[in-house]
């Protein structure tokens, strides 16, 4: 990089190894995504391999959450989180995970 330019790595799963988050079925058609948050957190998810959705989670009291609706039994939801790591001043990704609606 040139003078005064800092090279920053893109978010990676290796950096995100400490980024925790989960998805919990909260009703017959809803799935709640939650993650710890000191800043912003996004969830990226697909349902049954369809179009990707990205949603900014709502932060409150050190955690962030979003509830997805319109799901049905047997739906396969693949998801991961991206969050701002204020200590390292970089965005980090979680590892991808899968939830199946019951």
N, C-alpha and C. Protein backbone atom coordinates (compact mmCIF):
# COMPACT_ATOMS: atom_id res chain seq x y z
N UNK A 1 0.82 -1.19 0.00
CA UNK A 1 0.00 0.00 0.00
C UNK A 1 0.86 1.25 0.00
N UNK A 2 0.27 2.34 -0.45
CA UNK A 2 0.97 3.61 -0.48
C UNK A 2 1.06 4.22 0.91
N UNK A 3 1.71 5.34 1.01
CA UNK A 3 1.87 6.03 2.29
C UNK A 3 0.50 6.44 2.81
N UNK A 4 0.25 6.14 4.07
CA UNK A 4 -1.01 6.50 4.69
C UNK A 4 -2.18 5.58 4.35
N UNK A 5 -1.91 4.50 3.59
CA UNK A 5 -2.96 3.56 3.23
C UNK A 5 -2.76 2.28 4.02
N UNK A 6 -3.80 1.86 4.69
CA UNK A 6 -3.73 0.65 5.49
C UNK A 6 -4.43 -0.47 4.76
N UNK A 7 -3.75 -1.61 4.60
CA UNK A 7 -4.35 -2.77 3.95
C UNK A 7 -5.16 -3.52 5.00
N UNK A 8 -6.45 -3.77 4.70
CA UNK A 8 -7.35 -4.45 5.63
C UNK A 8 -7.87 -5.71 4.97
N UNK A 9 -7.79 -6.82 5.68
CA UNK A 9 -8.29 -8.08 5.15
C UNK A 9 -9.81 -8.08 5.12
N UNK A 10 -10.37 -8.75 4.14
CA UNK A 10 -11.82 -8.91 4.07
C UNK A 10 -12.27 -9.83 5.21
N UNK A 11 -13.54 -9.76 5.60
CA UNK A 11 -14.03 -10.66 6.64
C UNK A 11 -13.78 -12.11 6.25
N UNK A 12 -13.47 -12.91 7.22
CA UNK A 12 -13.23 -14.32 6.94
C UNK A 12 -13.80 -15.19 8.04
N UNK A 13 -14.05 -16.45 7.72
CA UNK A 13 -14.55 -17.37 8.72
C UNK A 13 -13.51 -17.60 9.81
N UNK A 14 -12.24 -17.61 9.45
CA UNK A 14 -11.21 -17.83 10.45
C UNK A 14 -11.23 -16.71 11.48
N UNK A 15 -11.39 -15.45 11.02
CA UNK A 15 -11.47 -14.35 11.96
C UNK A 15 -12.71 -14.45 12.82
N UNK A 16 -13.79 -15.02 12.27
CA UNK A 16 -15.07 -15.06 12.95
C UNK A 16 -15.24 -16.25 13.88
N UNK A 17 -14.18 -17.01 14.12
CA UNK A 17 -14.31 -18.20 14.94
C UNK A 17 -14.90 -17.87 16.31
N UNK A 18 -14.69 -16.64 16.79
CA UNK A 18 -15.22 -16.28 18.10
C UNK A 18 -16.59 -15.61 18.01
N UNK A 19 -17.10 -15.38 16.80
CA UNK A 19 -18.41 -14.76 16.63
C UNK A 19 -19.48 -15.82 16.86
N UNK A 20 -20.22 -15.66 17.94
CA UNK A 20 -21.28 -16.61 18.27
C UNK A 20 -22.62 -16.07 17.80
N UNK A 21 -23.48 -16.95 17.45
CA UNK A 21 -24.84 -16.58 17.06
C UNK A 21 -25.65 -17.85 16.94
N UNK A 22 -26.95 -17.71 16.97
CA UNK A 22 -27.79 -18.90 16.90
C UNK A 22 -29.12 -18.59 16.24
N UNK A 23 -29.81 -19.65 15.87
CA UNK A 23 -31.17 -19.55 15.34
C UNK A 23 -32.02 -20.54 16.13
N UNK A 24 -33.14 -20.06 16.67
CA UNK A 24 -34.02 -20.87 17.50
C UNK A 24 -35.44 -20.77 16.96
N UNK A 25 -36.07 -21.92 16.74
CA UNK A 25 -37.47 -21.90 16.30
C UNK A 25 -38.32 -21.43 17.46
N UNK A 26 -39.08 -20.35 17.23
CA UNK A 26 -39.89 -19.75 18.29
C UNK A 26 -41.39 -19.95 18.08
N UNK A 27 -41.76 -20.57 16.99
CA UNK A 27 -43.17 -20.85 16.68
C UNK A 27 -43.22 -21.78 15.49
N UNK A 28 -44.40 -22.14 15.05
CA UNK A 28 -44.50 -23.07 13.93
C UNK A 28 -43.97 -22.47 12.63
N UNK A 29 -43.94 -21.13 12.53
CA UNK A 29 -43.50 -20.49 11.29
C UNK A 29 -42.44 -19.41 11.51
N UNK A 30 -41.82 -19.37 12.70
CA UNK A 30 -40.84 -18.32 12.99
C UNK A 30 -39.52 -18.89 13.50
N UNK A 31 -38.45 -18.19 13.14
CA UNK A 31 -37.10 -18.55 13.54
C UNK A 31 -36.41 -17.28 14.02
N UNK A 32 -35.94 -17.29 15.27
CA UNK A 32 -35.29 -16.11 15.86
C UNK A 32 -33.78 -16.25 15.76
N UNK A 33 -33.14 -15.27 15.13
CA UNK A 33 -31.69 -15.20 15.04
C UNK A 33 -31.20 -14.28 16.16
N UNK A 34 -30.19 -14.70 16.91
CA UNK A 34 -29.63 -13.87 17.98
C UNK A 34 -28.12 -13.96 17.97
N UNK A 35 -27.48 -12.87 18.38
CA UNK A 35 -26.02 -12.82 18.46
C UNK A 35 -25.62 -11.74 19.46
N UNK A 36 -24.48 -11.91 20.12
CA UNK A 36 -24.00 -10.84 20.99
C UNK A 36 -23.63 -9.63 20.13
N UNK A 37 -23.81 -8.42 20.67
CA UNK A 37 -23.56 -7.24 19.85
C UNK A 37 -23.04 -6.08 20.68
N UNK A 38 -21.89 -5.56 20.29
CA UNK A 38 -21.42 -4.29 20.84
C UNK A 38 -21.59 -3.20 19.80
N UNK A 39 -21.89 -3.63 18.58
CA UNK A 39 -22.14 -2.71 17.46
C UNK A 39 -23.17 -3.39 16.56
N UNK A 40 -23.04 -3.24 15.25
CA UNK A 40 -24.02 -3.83 14.34
C UNK A 40 -23.76 -5.30 14.09
N UNK A 41 -24.85 -6.03 13.77
CA UNK A 41 -24.78 -7.45 13.39
C UNK A 41 -25.78 -7.66 12.25
N UNK A 42 -25.35 -8.34 11.20
CA UNK A 42 -26.23 -8.73 10.10
C UNK A 42 -26.37 -10.24 10.09
N UNK A 43 -27.54 -10.73 9.69
CA UNK A 43 -27.71 -12.16 9.43
C UNK A 43 -27.94 -12.31 7.93
N UNK A 44 -27.28 -13.29 7.34
CA UNK A 44 -27.44 -13.62 5.92
C UNK A 44 -28.05 -15.02 5.90
N UNK A 45 -29.19 -15.19 5.24
CA UNK A 45 -29.80 -16.51 5.25
C UNK A 45 -30.54 -16.82 3.96
N UNK A 46 -30.70 -18.11 3.71
CA UNK A 46 -31.51 -18.60 2.60
C UNK A 46 -32.49 -19.63 3.14
N UNK A 47 -33.61 -19.78 2.47
CA UNK A 47 -34.60 -20.79 2.82
C UNK A 47 -34.70 -21.75 1.64
N UNK A 48 -34.41 -23.01 1.90
CA UNK A 48 -34.48 -24.06 0.87
C UNK A 48 -33.65 -23.71 -0.36
N UNK A 49 -32.48 -23.07 -0.14
CA UNK A 49 -31.58 -22.75 -1.25
C UNK A 49 -32.05 -21.60 -2.12
N UNK A 50 -33.05 -20.85 -1.68
CA UNK A 50 -33.59 -19.73 -2.46
C UNK A 50 -32.70 -18.50 -2.40
N UNK A 51 -33.29 -17.37 -2.74
CA UNK A 51 -32.56 -16.10 -2.75
C UNK A 51 -32.04 -15.76 -1.36
N UNK A 52 -30.83 -15.22 -1.33
CA UNK A 52 -30.22 -14.82 -0.06
C UNK A 52 -30.91 -13.56 0.48
N UNK A 53 -31.11 -13.53 1.78
CA UNK A 53 -31.66 -12.37 2.49
C UNK A 53 -30.59 -11.87 3.45
N UNK A 54 -30.43 -10.57 3.56
CA UNK A 54 -29.53 -9.97 4.54
C UNK A 54 -30.34 -8.98 5.35
N UNK A 55 -30.29 -9.13 6.68
CA UNK A 55 -31.07 -8.29 7.58
C UNK A 55 -30.18 -7.79 8.71
N UNK A 56 -30.27 -6.50 9.02
CA UNK A 56 -29.57 -5.93 10.18
C UNK A 56 -30.37 -6.29 11.43
N UNK A 57 -29.72 -6.94 12.40
CA UNK A 57 -30.39 -7.32 13.64
C UNK A 57 -30.62 -6.09 14.50
N UNK A 58 -31.66 -6.13 15.33
CA UNK A 58 -31.97 -5.05 16.25
C UNK A 58 -31.17 -5.27 17.54
N UNK A 59 -30.38 -4.27 17.92
CA UNK A 59 -29.53 -4.38 19.11
C UNK A 59 -30.22 -3.82 20.34
N UNK A 60 -30.03 -4.52 21.47
CA UNK A 60 -30.56 -4.07 22.75
C UNK A 60 -29.85 -4.80 23.87
N UNK A 61 -29.24 -4.06 24.78
CA UNK A 61 -28.64 -4.67 25.97
C UNK A 61 -27.53 -5.65 25.71
N UNK A 62 -26.69 -5.41 24.73
CA UNK A 62 -25.55 -6.29 24.48
C UNK A 62 -25.84 -7.49 23.59
N UNK A 63 -27.07 -7.58 23.09
CA UNK A 63 -27.37 -8.66 22.14
C UNK A 63 -28.20 -8.08 21.00
N UNK A 64 -28.28 -8.83 19.93
CA UNK A 64 -29.03 -8.40 18.76
C UNK A 64 -29.93 -9.54 18.31
N UNK A 65 -31.09 -9.19 17.74
CA UNK A 65 -32.02 -10.24 17.32
C UNK A 65 -32.86 -9.81 16.12
N UNK A 66 -33.35 -10.82 15.42
CA UNK A 66 -34.28 -10.65 14.31
C UNK A 66 -35.09 -11.93 14.21
N UNK A 67 -36.38 -11.83 14.00
CA UNK A 67 -37.22 -13.01 13.84
C UNK A 67 -37.76 -13.07 12.42
N UNK A 68 -37.44 -14.17 11.73
CA UNK A 68 -37.93 -14.41 10.38
C UNK A 68 -39.25 -15.18 10.47
N UNK A 69 -40.20 -14.82 9.64
CA UNK A 69 -41.51 -15.48 9.64
C UNK A 69 -41.83 -16.09 8.29
N UNK A 70 -43.00 -16.70 8.20
CA UNK A 70 -43.45 -17.28 6.95
C UNK A 70 -42.82 -18.61 6.61
N UNK A 71 -42.19 -19.24 7.59
CA UNK A 71 -41.53 -20.52 7.36
C UNK A 71 -42.52 -21.66 7.62
N UNK A 72 -42.15 -22.85 7.15
CA UNK A 72 -43.02 -24.01 7.37
C UNK A 72 -42.19 -25.24 7.71
N UNK A 73 -42.86 -26.25 8.24
CA UNK A 73 -42.20 -27.49 8.63
C UNK A 73 -41.40 -28.05 7.47
N UNK A 74 -40.15 -28.43 7.75
CA UNK A 74 -39.28 -28.99 6.73
C UNK A 74 -38.40 -27.98 6.02
N UNK A 75 -38.67 -26.67 6.17
CA UNK A 75 -37.82 -25.66 5.54
C UNK A 75 -36.41 -25.76 6.10
N UNK A 76 -35.43 -25.67 5.21
CA UNK A 76 -34.02 -25.69 5.59
C UNK A 76 -33.50 -24.26 5.47
N UNK A 77 -33.04 -23.71 6.60
CA UNK A 77 -32.55 -22.34 6.65
C UNK A 77 -31.04 -22.38 6.87
N UNK A 78 -30.29 -21.91 5.89
CA UNK A 78 -28.84 -21.80 6.02
C UNK A 78 -28.54 -20.36 6.36
N UNK A 79 -27.68 -20.13 7.37
CA UNK A 79 -27.43 -18.78 7.83
C UNK A 79 -26.01 -18.59 8.35
N UNK A 80 -25.61 -17.32 8.38
CA UNK A 80 -24.34 -16.90 9.00
C UNK A 80 -24.50 -15.45 9.42
N UNK A 81 -23.63 -15.02 10.30
CA UNK A 81 -23.67 -13.65 10.81
C UNK A 81 -22.43 -12.89 10.38
N UNK A 82 -22.56 -11.59 10.21
CA UNK A 82 -21.43 -10.68 10.05
C UNK A 82 -21.60 -9.61 11.11
N UNK A 83 -20.52 -9.32 11.85
CA UNK A 83 -20.59 -8.34 12.93
C UNK A 83 -19.34 -7.47 12.93
N UNK A 84 -19.50 -6.29 13.49
CA UNK A 84 -18.37 -5.37 13.63
C UNK A 84 -17.63 -5.69 14.92
N UNK A 85 -16.33 -5.98 14.79
CA UNK A 85 -15.47 -6.22 15.94
C UNK A 85 -14.77 -4.90 16.27
N UNK A 86 -15.29 -4.19 17.27
CA UNK A 86 -14.78 -2.85 17.59
C UNK A 86 -13.33 -2.90 18.08
N UNK A 87 -12.95 -3.96 18.76
CA UNK A 87 -11.59 -4.06 19.28
C UNK A 87 -10.57 -4.14 18.15
N UNK A 88 -10.91 -4.87 17.08
CA UNK A 88 -9.99 -5.03 15.96
C UNK A 88 -10.31 -4.10 14.79
N UNK A 89 -11.45 -3.37 14.89
CA UNK A 89 -11.87 -2.45 13.83
C UNK A 89 -11.99 -3.16 12.48
N UNK A 90 -12.71 -4.30 12.50
CA UNK A 90 -12.90 -5.08 11.28
C UNK A 90 -14.22 -5.84 11.39
N UNK A 91 -14.85 -6.08 10.24
CA UNK A 91 -16.06 -6.92 10.21
C UNK A 91 -15.64 -8.38 10.18
N UNK A 92 -16.34 -9.22 10.93
CA UNK A 92 -16.03 -10.65 10.98
C UNK A 92 -17.28 -11.47 10.68
N UNK A 93 -17.08 -12.63 10.06
CA UNK A 93 -18.17 -13.54 9.72
C UNK A 93 -18.14 -14.75 10.65
N UNK A 94 -19.31 -15.27 10.97
CA UNK A 94 -19.39 -16.53 11.69
C UNK A 94 -19.27 -17.66 10.68
N UNK A 95 -19.16 -18.86 11.18
CA UNK A 95 -19.20 -20.02 10.29
C UNK A 95 -20.65 -20.23 9.87
N UNK A 96 -20.88 -20.76 8.67
CA UNK A 96 -22.25 -21.03 8.23
C UNK A 96 -22.88 -22.14 9.08
N UNK A 97 -24.20 -22.04 9.30
CA UNK A 97 -24.93 -23.06 10.04
C UNK A 97 -26.25 -23.32 9.35
N UNK A 98 -26.91 -24.39 9.78
CA UNK A 98 -28.19 -24.79 9.18
C UNK A 98 -29.20 -25.08 10.28
N UNK A 99 -30.43 -24.63 10.06
CA UNK A 99 -31.55 -24.95 10.96
C UNK A 99 -32.65 -25.55 10.10
N UNK A 100 -33.34 -26.54 10.63
CA UNK A 100 -34.46 -27.16 9.93
C UNK A 100 -35.72 -26.93 10.76
N UNK A 101 -36.73 -26.37 10.12
CA UNK A 101 -37.99 -26.10 10.82
C UNK A 101 -38.69 -27.42 11.13
N UNK A 102 -39.21 -27.52 12.37
CA UNK A 102 -39.89 -28.73 12.83
C UNK A 102 -41.37 -28.46 13.03
